[in-house]
Amino acid sequence: RMWDTIIFNYLKKRKIVIPPKERLDKDSKYAGAYVKEPIPGKYEWVVSFDLNSLYPHLIMQYNISPETHRKDRQQHKDLYYLWEKANVDALLNQDLDTTPLEKYNLTVTANGQFYSKDARGFLPELMKRMYDRRKEIKGKMLDAQRQYQETKDPKLSQEISLHHNMQHALKILLNSAYGAVANKYFRWYESENAAAITMSGQLSIRWIEKKINQYMNKLLKTDGHDYVLASDTDSVYICFDKLVQKVYGDKDVDTNTVIDFLDNVAQQKIEPFIDKSYHELKDYMNAYEQKMIMKREIISDKSIWTAKKRYIMNVYDSEGVGFEKPELKMM
C-alpha cells in the first residue's frame, strides 16, 4: 500500500492516470540472490566491498519499470534468441551477442527481459530521488562519526544517531520497493520485473567476483586461486593475505600500517578496477546507465568463517571510519 500511494501521488502530479488494480491469485517463483559458499576457516587481512543499495540501483541501471517493459517478441524478432538463451551463466561468460540491442535502444536483464531506454521510467526516477537524499544524509553521519573518533565530543553522538535513523529509514524504504514489485497484490506487479532485479543482482556480484579473481591472480602471479572467500547478495570479501605477505614478508609490521596500506590499495587500485569492470558490464548489457557503485566497507586483520552468512571479523576500519580499538562484527 505504501508504494502504491507513493507512485499514485508521483504520477498524479504529472497528470498521468494509473491503471485499475488487477487481482492475481497465482504466485510465480523466480531465483533469489546469490550467496557464495565459503570454505570454513580463519583468514587474515580481509577487506569487504559493498554495492550501494543494490536492488534500487538495478532498477535504475536497467530502467526497470512497468511502462518501459517491452514484451512484444514479434516487434523485435532478431532479439528472439536473447529471450530464449539469456541467463546469468551465459551473460557472465559473454556467450551471447548483445550488439543488436543498440538498434532498438533496449537493455536486457539477466532473465532475458527487455526495457526501453527512450525515457527514464517512473520507478527508477523515484529510486534516484530517494537514494540521492539518503546518500546526502549518510555522508553527514559518516562525517560526524569521523569527528567523534578525533574529539569524543558527546554532542556528536546525538547528531550521529539522528542522521543514522534518517538514512536507515530511507534505506528500508528503498529496499522495500523490491518487496512491492515482487508482491502479487501490488498494482504494478509483474513476475518478470521481480526476476529481472534478482537475477541481474546475481550477474552483478558474480561478474565482479570473476573480474577480481582474474585481477588478483595476474597481480600476484598465481593460477586459479580464489581470492574472493565469500559473497553475499551485494558484497564481496577479498582475502589479501598473499599481497600483504609479498609486500612485507616476515617483517614485524604494526597492524595499523597494514590497515593503511590496504586502505590505499582499495582506494587507488581495487575500486577503480571495479568501476572499470562494471562499465564493461553496462556496455555489454546496453544498460540505461552505470549504477553499480561498489565501495570498500570493512578492513579486518582477522576473520573466521563457518558457513554462509556466518562469520566474525575484527574490524579496524569501516567505510573510512577508523577505530581506536578494533570492533567485532558478528553475523
C-alpha atoms as a PDB file:
ATOM      1  CA  ARG A   1       0.000   0.000   0.000  1.00  0.00           C
ATOM      2  CA  MET A   2       2.827   2.393   0.837  1.00  0.00           C
ATOM      3  CA  TRP A   3       4.487   2.145  -2.583  1.00  0.00           C
ATOM      4  CA  ASP A   4       1.116   2.194  -4.319  1.00  0.00           C
ATOM      5  CA  THR A   5       0.457   5.516  -2.593  1.00  0.00           C
ATOM      6  CA  ILE A   6       3.916   6.919  -3.362  1.00  0.00           C
ATOM      7  CA  ILE A   7       3.602   6.071  -7.045  1.00  0.00           C
ATOM      8  CA  PHE A   8      -0.015   7.313  -7.209  1.00  0.00           C
ATOM      9  CA  ASN A   9       0.962  10.720  -5.795  1.00  0.00           C
ATOM     10  CA  TYR A  10       4.039  10.948  -8.038  1.00  0.00           C
ATOM     11  CA  LEU A  11       2.052  10.226 -11.219  1.00  0.00           C
ATOM     12  CA  LYS A  12      -0.898  12.366 -10.170  1.00  0.00           C
ATOM     13  CA  LYS A  13       1.369  15.444 -10.027  1.00  0.00           C
ATOM     14  CA  ARG A  14       2.296  14.694 -13.635  1.00  0.00           C
ATOM     15  CA  LYS A  15      -1.358  14.274 -14.636  1.00  0.00           C
ATOM     16  CA  ILE A  16      -0.824  10.590 -15.503  1.00  0.00           C
ATOM     17  CA  VAL A  17      -3.758   8.249 -14.947  1.00  0.00           C
ATOM     18  CA  ILE A  18      -2.847   4.952 -13.288  1.00  0.00           C
ATOM     19  CA  PRO A  19      -4.394   1.643 -14.411  1.00  0.00           C
ATOM     20  CA  PRO A  20      -7.003  -0.166 -12.308  1.00  0.00           C
ATOM     21  CA  LYS A  21      -5.685  -2.764  -9.911  1.00  0.00           C
ATOM     22  CA  GLU A  22      -5.930  -6.359 -11.111  1.00  0.00           C
ATOM     23  CA  ARG A  23      -6.074  -9.298  -8.735  1.00  0.00           C
ATOM     24  CA  LEU A  24      -3.590 -12.122  -9.384  1.00  0.00           C
ATOM     25  CA  ASP A  25      -4.098 -15.295  -7.407  1.00  0.00           C
ATOM     26  CA  LYS A  26      -1.207 -17.264  -8.842  1.00  0.00           C
ATOM     27  CA  ASP A  27       2.233 -16.973  -7.256  1.00  0.00           C
ATOM     28  CA  SER A  28       5.253 -17.028  -9.545  1.00  0.00           C
ATOM     29  CA  LYS A  29       8.594 -18.467  -8.487  1.00  0.00           C
ATOM     30  CA  TYR A  30      11.930 -16.997  -9.535  1.00  0.00           C
ATOM     31  CA  ALA A  31      15.543 -17.025  -8.412  1.00  0.00           C
ATOM     32  CA  GLY A  32      16.673 -15.002  -5.417  1.00  0.00           C
ATOM     33  CA  ALA A  33      20.051 -13.538  -4.500  1.00  0.00           C
ATOM     34  CA  TYR A  34      23.442 -15.220  -4.978  1.00  0.00           C
ATOM     35  CA  VAL A  35      25.359 -16.198  -1.825  1.00  0.00           C
ATOM     36  CA  LYS A  36      28.724 -17.893  -2.264  1.00  0.00           C
ATOM     37  CA  GLU A  37      29.555 -20.918  -0.125  1.00  0.00           C
ATOM     38  CA  PRO A  38      32.753 -20.051   1.800  1.00  0.00           C
ATOM     39  CA  ILE A  39      35.428 -22.512   2.881  1.00  0.00           C
ATOM     40  CA  PRO A  40      35.218 -22.514   6.703  1.00  0.00           C
ATOM     41  CA  GLY A  41      38.365 -21.328   8.436  1.00  0.00           C
ATOM     42  CA  LYS A  42      40.426 -18.418   9.702  1.00  0.00           C
ATOM     43  CA  TYR A  43      41.514 -15.702   7.271  1.00  0.00           C
ATOM     44  CA  GLU A  44      43.899 -12.763   7.632  1.00  0.00           C
ATOM     45  CA  TRP A  45      43.650  -9.313   6.062  1.00  0.00           C
ATOM     46  CA  VAL A  46      40.112  -9.473   4.682  1.00  0.00           C
ATOM     47  CA  VAL A  47      38.597  -6.414   3.006  1.00  0.00           C
ATOM     48  CA  SER A  48      34.929  -6.227   2.072  1.00  0.00           C
ATOM     49  CA  PHE A  49      33.450  -4.246  -0.797  1.00  0.00           C
ATOM     50  CA  ASP A  50      29.769  -3.403  -0.923  1.00  0.00           C
ATOM     51  CA  LEU A  51      27.391  -2.379  -3.716  1.00  0.00           C
ATOM     52  CA  ASN A  52      25.373   0.657  -2.697  1.00  0.00           C
ATOM     53  CA  SER A  53      21.619  -0.080  -2.480  1.00  0.00           C
ATOM     54  CA  LEU A  54      21.851  -2.914  -4.995  1.00  0.00           C
ATOM     55  CA  TYR A  55      18.190  -3.516  -5.884  1.00  0.00           C
ATOM     56  CA  PRO A  56      17.232   0.180  -6.242  1.00  0.00           C
ATOM     57  CA  HIS A  57      20.328   0.699  -8.388  1.00  0.00           C
ATOM     58  CA  LEU A  58      19.498  -2.308 -10.566  1.00  0.00           C
ATOM     59  CA  ILE A  59      16.097  -0.743 -11.186  1.00  0.00           C
ATOM     60  CA  MET A  60      17.902   2.443 -12.251  1.00  0.00           C
ATOM     61  CA  GLN A  61      20.614   0.699 -14.282  1.00  0.00           C
ATOM     62  CA  TYR A  62      18.232  -1.338 -16.416  1.00  0.00           C
ATOM     63  CA  ASN A  63      15.378   1.199 -16.323  1.00  0.00           C
ATOM     64  CA  ILE A  64      13.068  -1.448 -14.875  1.00  0.00           C
ATOM     65  CA  SER A  65       9.563  -0.009 -14.712  1.00  0.00           C
ATOM     66  CA  PRO A  66       6.090  -1.185 -15.792  1.00  0.00           C
ATOM     67  CA  GLU A  67       5.843   1.295 -18.683  1.00  0.00           C
ATOM     68  CA  THR A  68       9.380   0.628 -20.017  1.00  0.00           C
ATOM     69  CA  HIS A  69       8.977  -3.172 -20.127  1.00  0.00           C
ATOM     70  CA  ARG A  70       8.906  -4.385 -23.748  1.00  0.00           C
ATOM     71  CA  LYS A  71       7.187  -7.761 -24.169  1.00  0.00           C
ATOM     72  CA  ASP A  72       6.268  -7.819 -27.858  1.00  0.00           C
ATOM     73  CA  ARG A  73       8.503 -10.532 -29.309  1.00  0.00           C
ATOM     74  CA  GLN A  74       7.177 -10.085 -32.827  1.00  0.00           C
ATOM     75  CA  GLN A  75       8.386  -6.492 -32.916  1.00  0.00           C
ATOM     76  CA  HIS A  76      11.995  -7.483 -32.200  1.00  0.00           C
ATOM     77  CA  LYS A  77      12.417 -10.810 -33.983  1.00  0.00           C
ATOM     78  CA  ASP A  78      16.198 -10.527 -34.299  1.00  0.00           C
ATOM     79  CA  LEU A  79      16.413 -10.397 -30.489  1.00  0.00           C
ATOM     80  CA  TYR A  80      14.358 -13.545 -30.004  1.00  0.00           C
ATOM     81  CA  TYR A  81      17.462 -15.605 -29.195  1.00  0.00           C
ATOM     82  CA  LEU A  82      18.154 -13.357 -26.194  1.00  0.00           C
ATOM     83  CA  TRP A  83      14.684 -14.062 -24.826  1.00  0.00           C
ATOM     84  CA  GLU A  84      15.396 -17.766 -25.179  1.00  0.00           C
ATOM     85  CA  LYS A  85      19.031 -18.006 -24.082  1.00  0.00           C
ATOM     86  CA  ALA A  86      19.740 -15.136 -21.697  1.00  0.00           C
ATOM     87  CA  ASN A  87      20.647 -16.324 -18.210  1.00  0.00           C
ATOM     88  CA  VAL A  88      23.262 -15.470 -15.602  1.00  0.00           C
ATOM     89  CA  ASP A  89      25.858 -18.018 -16.744  1.00  0.00           C
ATOM     90  CA  ALA A  90      25.575 -17.179 -20.457  1.00  0.00           C
ATOM     91  CA  LEU A  91      25.877 -13.451 -19.785  1.00  0.00           C
ATOM     92  CA  LEU A  92      28.643 -13.913 -17.235  1.00  0.00           C
ATOM     93  CA  ASN A  93      30.722 -15.718 -19.865  1.00  0.00           C
ATOM     94  CA  GLN A  94      29.626 -13.213 -22.547  1.00  0.00           C
ATOM     95  CA  ASP A  95      28.444 -16.053 -24.765  1.00  0.00           C
ATOM     96  CA  LEU A  96      25.599 -14.012 -26.287  1.00  0.00           C
ATOM     97  CA  ASP A  97      25.749 -11.285 -28.917  1.00  0.00           C
ATOM     98  CA  THR A  98      24.055  -8.243 -27.387  1.00  0.00           C
ATOM     99  CA  THR A  99      25.018  -5.663 -30.026  1.00  0.00           C
ATOM    100  CA  PRO A 100      21.541  -5.649 -31.747  1.00  0.00           C
ATOM    101  CA  LEU A 101      20.109  -4.087 -28.573  1.00  0.00           C
ATOM    102  CA  GLU A 102      21.515  -0.715 -29.640  1.00  0.00           C
ATOM    103  CA  LYS A 103      19.371  -0.692 -32.787  1.00  0.00           C
ATOM    104  CA  TYR A 104      16.167  -0.768 -30.734  1.00  0.00           C
ATOM    105  CA  ASN A 105      17.526   1.331 -27.836  1.00  0.00           C
ATOM    106  CA  LEU A 106      16.791  -1.510 -25.434  1.00  0.00           C
ATOM    107  CA  THR A 107      18.612  -3.025 -22.497  1.00  0.00           C
ATOM    108  CA  VAL A 108      18.392  -6.680 -21.469  1.00  0.00           C
ATOM    109  CA  THR A 109      18.326  -8.080 -17.938  1.00  0.00           C
ATOM    110  CA  ALA A 110      19.721 -11.398 -16.752  1.00  0.00           C
ATOM    111  CA  ASN A 111      16.350 -13.140 -17.146  1.00  0.00           C
ATOM    112  CA  GLY A 112      16.037 -12.128 -20.816  1.00  0.00           C
ATOM    113  CA  GLN A 113      13.605  -9.220 -20.378  1.00  0.00           C
ATOM    114  CA  PHE A 114      13.880  -6.019 -22.403  1.00  0.00           C
ATOM    115  CA  TYR A 115      13.419  -2.451 -21.182  1.00  0.00           C
ATOM    116  CA  SER A 116      13.269   0.702 -23.251  1.00  0.00           C
ATOM    117  CA  LYS A 117      15.946   3.380 -22.881  1.00  0.00           C
ATOM    118  CA  ASP A 118      13.854   6.100 -24.585  1.00  0.00           C
ATOM    119  CA  ALA A 119      12.998   7.772 -21.262  1.00  0.00           C
ATOM    120  CA  ARG A 120      13.612   7.086 -17.568  1.00  0.00           C
ATOM    121  CA  GLY A 121      10.763   5.088 -16.034  1.00  0.00           C
ATOM    122  CA  PHE A 122       8.822   6.374 -13.044  1.00  0.00           C
ATOM    123  CA  LEU A 123      10.151   3.628 -10.749  1.00  0.00           C
ATOM    124  CA  PRO A 124      13.856   4.372 -11.480  1.00  0.00           C
ATOM    125  CA  GLU A 125      13.123   8.093 -11.083  1.00  0.00           C
ATOM    126  CA  LEU A 126      11.665   7.537  -7.611  1.00  0.00           C
ATOM    127  CA  MET A 127      14.645   5.323  -6.701  1.00  0.00           C
ATOM    128  CA  LYS A 128      17.061   8.036  -7.782  1.00  0.00           C
ATOM    129  CA  ARG A 129      15.383  10.775  -5.766  1.00  0.00           C
ATOM    130  CA  MET A 130      15.266   8.722  -2.584  1.00  0.00           C
ATOM    131  CA  TYR A 131      18.791   7.358  -2.954  1.00  0.00           C
ATOM    132  CA  ASP A 132      20.272  10.821  -3.534  1.00  0.00           C
ATOM    133  CA  ARG A 133      18.584  12.028  -0.345  1.00  0.00           C
ATOM    134  CA  ARG A 134      19.823   9.023   1.632  1.00  0.00           C
ATOM    135  CA  LYS A 135      23.384   9.486   0.316  1.00  0.00           C
ATOM    136  CA  GLU A 136      23.370  13.114   1.451  1.00  0.00           C
ATOM    137  CA  ILE A 137      22.243  12.206   4.979  1.00  0.00           C
ATOM    138  CA  LYS A 138      24.605   9.234   5.285  1.00  0.00           C
ATOM    139  CA  GLY A 139      27.513  11.464   4.252  1.00  0.00           C
ATOM    140  CA  LYS A 140      26.702  13.766   7.170  1.00  0.00           C
ATOM    141  CA  MET A 141      26.551  10.737   9.501  1.00  0.00           C
ATOM    142  CA  LEU A 142      29.990   9.471   8.423  1.00  0.00           C
ATOM    143  CA  ASP A 143      31.489  12.961   8.777  1.00  0.00           C
ATOM    144  CA  ALA A 144      30.125  13.147  12.326  1.00  0.00           C
ATOM    145  CA  GLN A 145      31.500   9.682  13.113  1.00  0.00           C
ATOM    146  CA  ARG A 146      34.972  10.686  11.924  1.00  0.00           C
ATOM    147  CA  GLN A 147      34.856  13.849  14.016  1.00  0.00           C
ATOM    148  CA  TYR A 148      33.744  11.857  17.051  1.00  0.00           C
ATOM    149  CA  GLN A 149      36.700   9.462  16.728  1.00  0.00           C
ATOM    150  CA  GLU A 150      39.003  12.504  16.902  1.00  0.00           C
ATOM    151  CA  THR A 151      37.251  14.674  19.508  1.00  0.00           C
ATOM    152  CA  LYS A 152      34.954  12.362  21.523  1.00  0.00           C
ATOM    153  CA  ASP A 153      32.538  15.308  21.679  1.00  0.00           C
ATOM    154  CA  PRO A 154      29.297  13.923  23.227  1.00  0.00           C
ATOM    155  CA  LYS A 155      27.210  16.375  21.175  1.00  0.00           C
ATOM    156  CA  LEU A 156      28.250  14.468  18.066  1.00  0.00           C
ATOM    157  CA  SER A 157      26.653  11.268  19.398  1.00  0.00           C
ATOM    158  CA  GLN A 158      23.198  12.807  19.097  1.00  0.00           C
ATOM    159  CA  GLU A 159      23.975  14.054  15.599  1.00  0.00           C
ATOM    160  CA  ILE A 160      25.215  10.600  14.570  1.00  0.00           C
ATOM    161  CA  SER A 161      22.046   8.949  15.909  1.00  0.00           C
ATOM    162  CA  LEU A 162      19.795  11.457  14.141  1.00  0.00           C
ATOM    163  CA  HIS A 163      21.474  11.012  10.758  1.00  0.00           C
ATOM    164  CA  HIS A 164      21.692   7.229  11.215  1.00  0.00           C
ATOM    165  CA  ASN A 165      17.955   6.917  11.872  1.00  0.00           C
ATOM    166  CA  MET A 166      17.055   9.145   8.921  1.00  0.00           C
ATOM    167  CA  GLN A 167      19.306   7.387   6.396  1.00  0.00           C
ATOM    168  CA  HIS A 168      18.294   3.965   7.734  1.00  0.00           C
ATOM    169  CA  ALA A 169      14.597   4.787   7.295  1.00  0.00           C
ATOM    170  CA  LEU A 170      15.287   5.783   3.676  1.00  0.00           C
ATOM    171  CA  LYS A 171      17.318   2.599   3.185  1.00  0.00           C
ATOM    172  CA  ILE A 172      14.377   0.492   4.367  1.00  0.00           C
ATOM    173  CA  LEU A 173      12.002   2.454   2.132  1.00  0.00           C
ATOM    174  CA  LEU A 174      14.276   1.979  -0.901  1.00  0.00           C
ATOM    175  CA  ASN A 175      14.726  -1.736  -0.295  1.00  0.00           C
ATOM    176  CA  SER A 176      11.002  -2.213   0.287  1.00  0.00           C
ATOM    177  CA  ALA A 177      10.415  -1.156  -3.323  1.00  0.00           C
ATOM    178  CA  TYR A 178      11.627  -4.578  -4.462  1.00  0.00           C
ATOM    179  CA  GLY A 179       9.266  -6.218  -1.960  1.00  0.00           C
ATOM    180  CA  ALA A 180       6.398  -4.304  -3.552  1.00  0.00           C
ATOM    181  CA  VAL A 181       7.461  -5.196  -7.103  1.00  0.00           C
ATOM    182  CA  ALA A 182       7.605  -8.880  -6.093  1.00  0.00           C
ATOM    183  CA  ASN A 183       4.188  -8.826  -4.360  1.00  0.00           C
ATOM    184  CA  LYS A 184       1.332 -10.262  -6.426  1.00  0.00           C
ATOM    185  CA  TYR A 185      -1.110  -7.821  -4.765  1.00  0.00           C
ATOM    186  CA  PHE A 186       0.888  -4.772  -5.915  1.00  0.00           C
ATOM    187  CA  ARG A 187      -0.879  -2.733  -8.609  1.00  0.00           C
ATOM    188  CA  TRP A 188       2.209  -2.853 -10.840  1.00  0.00           C
ATOM    189  CA  TYR A 189       3.160  -6.495 -10.194  1.00  0.00           C
ATOM    190  CA  GLU A 190       4.847  -8.487 -12.966  1.00  0.00           C
ATOM    191  CA  SER A 191       6.902 -11.525 -12.024  1.00  0.00           C
ATOM    192  CA  GLU A 192       9.293 -10.787 -14.916  1.00  0.00           C
ATOM    193  CA  ASN A 193      10.221  -7.451 -13.347  1.00  0.00           C
ATOM    194  CA  ALA A 194      10.921  -9.018  -9.960  1.00  0.00           C
ATOM    195  CA  ALA A 195      13.077 -11.718 -11.566  1.00  0.00           C
ATOM    196  CA  ALA A 196      14.875  -9.085 -13.655  1.00  0.00           C
ATOM    197  CA  ILE A 197      16.032  -7.456 -10.420  1.00  0.00           C
ATOM    198  CA  THR A 198      17.159 -10.572  -8.538  1.00  0.00           C
ATOM    199  CA  MET A 199      18.847 -12.285 -11.484  1.00  0.00           C
ATOM    200  CA  SER A 200      20.609  -9.103 -12.588  1.00  0.00           C
ATOM    201  CA  GLY A 201      21.819  -8.842  -8.994  1.00  0.00           C
ATOM    202  CA  GLN A 202      23.268 -12.344  -9.291  1.00  0.00           C
ATOM    203  CA  LEU A 203      25.007 -11.331 -12.507  1.00  0.00           C
ATOM    204  CA  SER A 204      26.483  -8.173 -10.945  1.00  0.00           C
ATOM    205  CA  ILE A 205      28.020  -9.882  -7.920  1.00  0.00           C
ATOM    206  CA  ARG A 206      29.305 -12.885  -9.865  1.00  0.00           C
ATOM    207  CA  TRP A 207      30.676 -10.592 -12.590  1.00  0.00           C
ATOM    208  CA  ILE A 208      32.844  -8.712 -10.109  1.00  0.00           C
ATOM    209  CA  GLU A 209      33.896 -11.889  -8.300  1.00  0.00           C
ATOM    210  CA  LYS A 210      35.208 -13.260 -11.578  1.00  0.00           C
ATOM    211  CA  LYS A 211      36.953 -10.000 -12.527  1.00  0.00           C
ATOM    212  CA  ILE A 212      38.611  -9.568  -9.118  1.00  0.00           C
ATOM    213  CA  ASN A 213      39.968 -13.118  -9.177  1.00  0.00           C
ATOM    214  CA  GLN A 214      41.410 -12.521 -12.644  1.00  0.00           C
ATOM    215  CA  TYR A 215      42.997  -9.263 -11.448  1.00  0.00           C
ATOM    216  CA  MET A 216      44.493 -10.725  -8.258  1.00  0.00           C
ATOM    217  CA  ASN A 217      45.830 -13.856  -9.957  1.00  0.00           C
ATOM    218  CA  LYS A 218      47.555 -11.704 -12.568  1.00  0.00           C
ATOM    219  CA  LEU A 219      48.924  -9.288  -9.951  1.00  0.00           C
ATOM    220  CA  LEU A 220      50.328 -11.997  -7.670  1.00  0.00           C
ATOM    221  CA  LYS A 221      51.278 -14.392 -10.470  1.00  0.00           C
ATOM    222  CA  THR A 222      49.077 -17.189  -9.141  1.00  0.00           C
ATOM    223  CA  ASP A 223      46.942 -19.566 -11.136  1.00  0.00           C
ATOM    224  CA  GLY A 224      43.279 -20.152 -10.335  1.00  0.00           C
ATOM    225  CA  HIS A 225      43.494 -19.031  -6.700  1.00  0.00           C
ATOM    226  CA  ASP A 226      40.145 -17.879  -5.284  1.00  0.00           C
ATOM    227  CA  TYR A 227      40.759 -14.564  -3.509  1.00  0.00           C
ATOM    228  CA  VAL A 228      37.044 -13.877  -3.016  1.00  0.00           C
ATOM    229  CA  LEU A 229      36.442 -16.032   0.032  1.00  0.00           C
ATOM    230  CA  ALA A 230      32.746 -15.132   0.313  1.00  0.00           C
ATOM    231  CA  SER A 231      29.999 -13.057  -1.265  1.00  0.00           C
ATOM    232  CA  ASP A 232      26.511 -12.231  -0.091  1.00  0.00           C
ATOM    233  CA  THR A 233      23.935 -10.622  -2.409  1.00  0.00           C
ATOM    234  CA  ASP A 234      25.697  -7.247  -2.721  1.00  0.00           C
ATOM    235  CA  SER A 235      29.095  -7.766  -1.039  1.00  0.00           C
ATOM    236  CA  VAL A 236      32.400  -9.494  -1.735  1.00  0.00           C
ATOM    237  CA  TYR A 237      35.052 -10.362   0.847  1.00  0.00           C
ATOM    238  CA  ILE A 238      38.583 -10.406  -0.546  1.00  0.00           C
ATOM    239  CA  CYS A 239      41.484 -12.044   1.260  1.00  0.00           C
ATOM    240  CA  PHE A 240      44.684 -10.008   0.801  1.00  0.00           C
ATOM    241  CA  ASP A 241      46.987 -12.221   2.886  1.00  0.00           C
ATOM    242  CA  LYS A 242      49.159 -13.135  -0.109  1.00  0.00           C
ATOM    243  CA  LEU A 243      49.526  -9.470  -1.096  1.00  0.00           C
ATOM    244  CA  VAL A 244      50.487  -8.448   2.462  1.00  0.00           C
ATOM    245  CA  GLN A 245      52.995 -11.306   2.596  1.00  0.00           C
ATOM    246  CA  LYS A 246      54.503 -10.247  -0.735  1.00  0.00           C
ATOM    247  CA  VAL A 247      54.878  -6.595   0.358  1.00  0.00           C
ATOM    248  CA  TYR A 248      56.030  -7.038   3.960  1.00  0.00           C
ATOM    249  CA  GLY A 249      57.376 -10.593   4.055  1.00  0.00           C
ATOM    250  CA  ASP A 250      58.349 -11.638   7.580  1.00  0.00           C
ATOM    251  CA  LYS A 251      58.895  -8.084   8.837  1.00  0.00           C
ATOM    252  CA  ASP A 252      57.369  -7.194  12.194  1.00  0.00           C
ATOM    253  CA  VAL A 253      54.934  -4.573  10.905  1.00  0.00           C
ATOM    254  CA  ASP A 254      52.478  -2.567  13.012  1.00  0.00           C
ATOM    255  CA  THR A 255      48.867  -3.609  12.345  1.00  0.00           C
ATOM    256  CA  ASN A 256      47.772  -0.027  11.597  1.00  0.00           C
ATOM    257  CA  THR A 257      50.491   0.219   8.944  1.00  0.00           C
ATOM    258  CA  VAL A 258      48.981  -2.744   7.111  1.00  0.00           C
ATOM    259  CA  ILE A 259      45.461  -1.331   7.570  1.00  0.00           C
ATOM    260  CA  ASP A 260      46.571   1.952   5.974  1.00  0.00           C
ATOM    261  CA  PHE A 261      48.259   0.018   3.156  1.00  0.00           C
ATOM    262  CA  LEU A 262      45.091  -1.973   2.424  1.00  0.00           C
ATOM    263  CA  ASP A 263      43.016   1.215   2.564  1.00  0.00           C
ATOM    264  CA  ASN A 264      45.264   2.753  -0.110  1.00  0.00           C
ATOM    265  CA  VAL A 265      45.125  -0.419  -2.224  1.00  0.00           C
ATOM    266  CA  ALA A 266      41.331  -0.410  -2.007  1.00  0.00           C
ATOM    267  CA  GLN A 267      41.005   3.252  -2.983  1.00  0.00           C
ATOM    268  CA  GLN A 268      43.730   3.530  -5.601  1.00  0.00           C
ATOM    269  CA  LYS A 269      43.654   0.085  -7.240  1.00  0.00           C
ATOM    270  CA  ILE A 270      40.649  -2.095  -6.439  1.00  0.00           C
ATOM    271  CA  GLU A 271      37.838   0.475  -6.564  1.00  0.00           C
ATOM    272  CA  PRO A 272      38.954   1.942  -9.942  1.00  0.00           C
ATOM    273  CA  PHE A 273      39.278  -1.597 -11.320  1.00  0.00           C
ATOM    274  CA  ILE A 274      35.804  -2.491 -10.051  1.00  0.00           C
ATOM    275  CA  ASP A 275      34.362   0.664 -11.621  1.00  0.00           C
ATOM    276  CA  LYS A 276      36.016  -0.161 -14.956  1.00  0.00           C
ATOM    277  CA  SER A 277      34.691  -3.731 -14.791  1.00  0.00           C
ATOM    278  CA  TYR A 278      31.150  -2.587 -14.119  1.00  0.00           C
ATOM    279  CA  HIS A 279      31.311  -0.170 -17.050  1.00  0.00           C
ATOM    280  CA  GLU A 280      32.155  -3.200 -19.195  1.00  0.00           C
ATOM    281  CA  LEU A 281      29.017  -4.919 -17.875  1.00  0.00           C
ATOM    282  CA  LYS A 282      26.938  -1.810 -18.557  1.00  0.00           C
ATOM    283  CA  ASP A 283      28.177  -1.700 -22.163  1.00  0.00           C
ATOM    284  CA  TYR A 284      27.652  -5.425 -22.697  1.00  0.00           C
ATOM    285  CA  MET A 285      24.051  -5.251 -21.449  1.00  0.00           C
ATOM    286  CA  ASN A 286      23.450  -1.899 -23.217  1.00  0.00           C
ATOM    287  CA  ALA A 287      22.139  -0.658 -19.863  1.00  0.00           C
ATOM    288  CA  TYR A 288      20.375   2.659 -19.380  1.00  0.00           C
ATOM    289  CA  GLU A 289      23.190   3.879 -17.121  1.00  0.00           C
ATOM    290  CA  GLN A 290      26.045   2.517 -14.978  1.00  0.00           C
ATOM    291  CA  LYS A 291      24.771   2.383 -11.401  1.00  0.00           C
ATOM    292  CA  MET A 292      26.812  -0.461  -9.923  1.00  0.00           C
ATOM    293  CA  ILE A 293      28.856   1.559  -7.419  1.00  0.00           C
ATOM    294  CA  MET A 294      30.973  -0.657  -5.178  1.00  0.00           C
ATOM    295  CA  LYS A 295      33.000   0.853  -2.343  1.00  0.00           C
ATOM    296  CA  ARG A 296      35.306  -0.500   0.300  1.00  0.00           C
ATOM    297  CA  GLU A 297      33.469  -1.208   3.531  1.00  0.00           C
ATOM    298  CA  ILE A 298      35.433  -3.144   6.192  1.00  0.00           C
ATOM    299  CA  ILE A 299      39.132  -3.811   6.759  1.00  0.00           C
ATOM    300  CA  SER A 300      39.848  -6.672   9.140  1.00  0.00           C
ATOM    301  CA  ASP A 301      43.114  -8.183  10.317  1.00  0.00           C
ATOM    302  CA  LYS A 302      41.499 -11.488  11.360  1.00  0.00           C
ATOM    303  CA  SER A 303      38.254 -13.154  10.336  1.00  0.00           C
ATOM    304  CA  ILE A 304      36.598 -16.513  10.897  1.00  0.00           C
ATOM    305  CA  TRP A 305      34.022 -18.035   8.532  1.00  0.00           C
ATOM    306  CA  THR A 306      31.945 -21.059   9.492  1.00  0.00           C
ATOM    307  CA  ALA A 307      29.245 -21.049   6.770  1.00  0.00           C
ATOM    308  CA  LYS A 308      27.198 -18.742   4.547  1.00  0.00           C
ATOM    309  CA  LYS A 309      26.316 -15.567   6.456  1.00  0.00           C
ATOM    310  CA  ARG A 310      28.198 -16.883   9.500  1.00  0.00           C
ATOM    311  CA  TYR A 311      31.360 -15.013  10.347  1.00  0.00           C
ATOM    312  CA  ILE A 312      33.297 -12.864  12.826  1.00  0.00           C
ATOM    313  CA  MET A 313      35.526 -10.005  11.682  1.00  0.00           C
ATOM    314  CA  ASN A 314      37.948  -7.989  13.818  1.00  0.00           C
ATOM    315  CA  VAL A 315      37.306  -4.576  12.242  1.00  0.00           C
ATOM    316  CA  TYR A 316      39.835  -1.718  12.269  1.00  0.00           C
ATOM    317  CA  ASP A 317      38.086   0.488   9.718  1.00  0.00           C
ATOM    318  CA  SER A 318      34.522   0.672   8.413  1.00  0.00           C
ATOM    319  CA  GLU A 319      33.685   2.924   5.446  1.00  0.00           C
ATOM    320  CA  GLY A 320      36.618   5.238   6.183  1.00  0.00           C
ATOM    321  CA  VAL A 321      35.925   5.484   9.927  1.00  0.00           C
ATOM    322  CA  GLY A 322      38.970   4.157  11.785  1.00  0.00           C
ATOM    323  CA  PHE A 323      38.566   2.716  15.267  1.00  0.00           C
ATOM    324  CA  GLU A 324      40.942   3.425  18.137  1.00  0.00           C
ATOM    325  CA  LYS A 325      40.278  -0.128  19.277  1.00  0.00           C
ATOM    326  CA  PRO A 326      39.062  -2.769  16.776  1.00  0.00           C
ATOM    327  CA  GLU A 327      35.398  -3.713  16.914  1.00  0.00           C
ATOM    328  CA  LEU A 328      33.889  -7.124  16.264  1.00  0.00           C
ATOM    329  CA  LYS A 329      31.365  -7.593  13.513  1.00  0.00           C
ATOM    330  CA  MET A 330      29.419 -10.833  14.011  1.00  0.00           C
ATOM    331  CA  MET A 331      26.852 -12.383  11.711  1.00  0.00           C
END
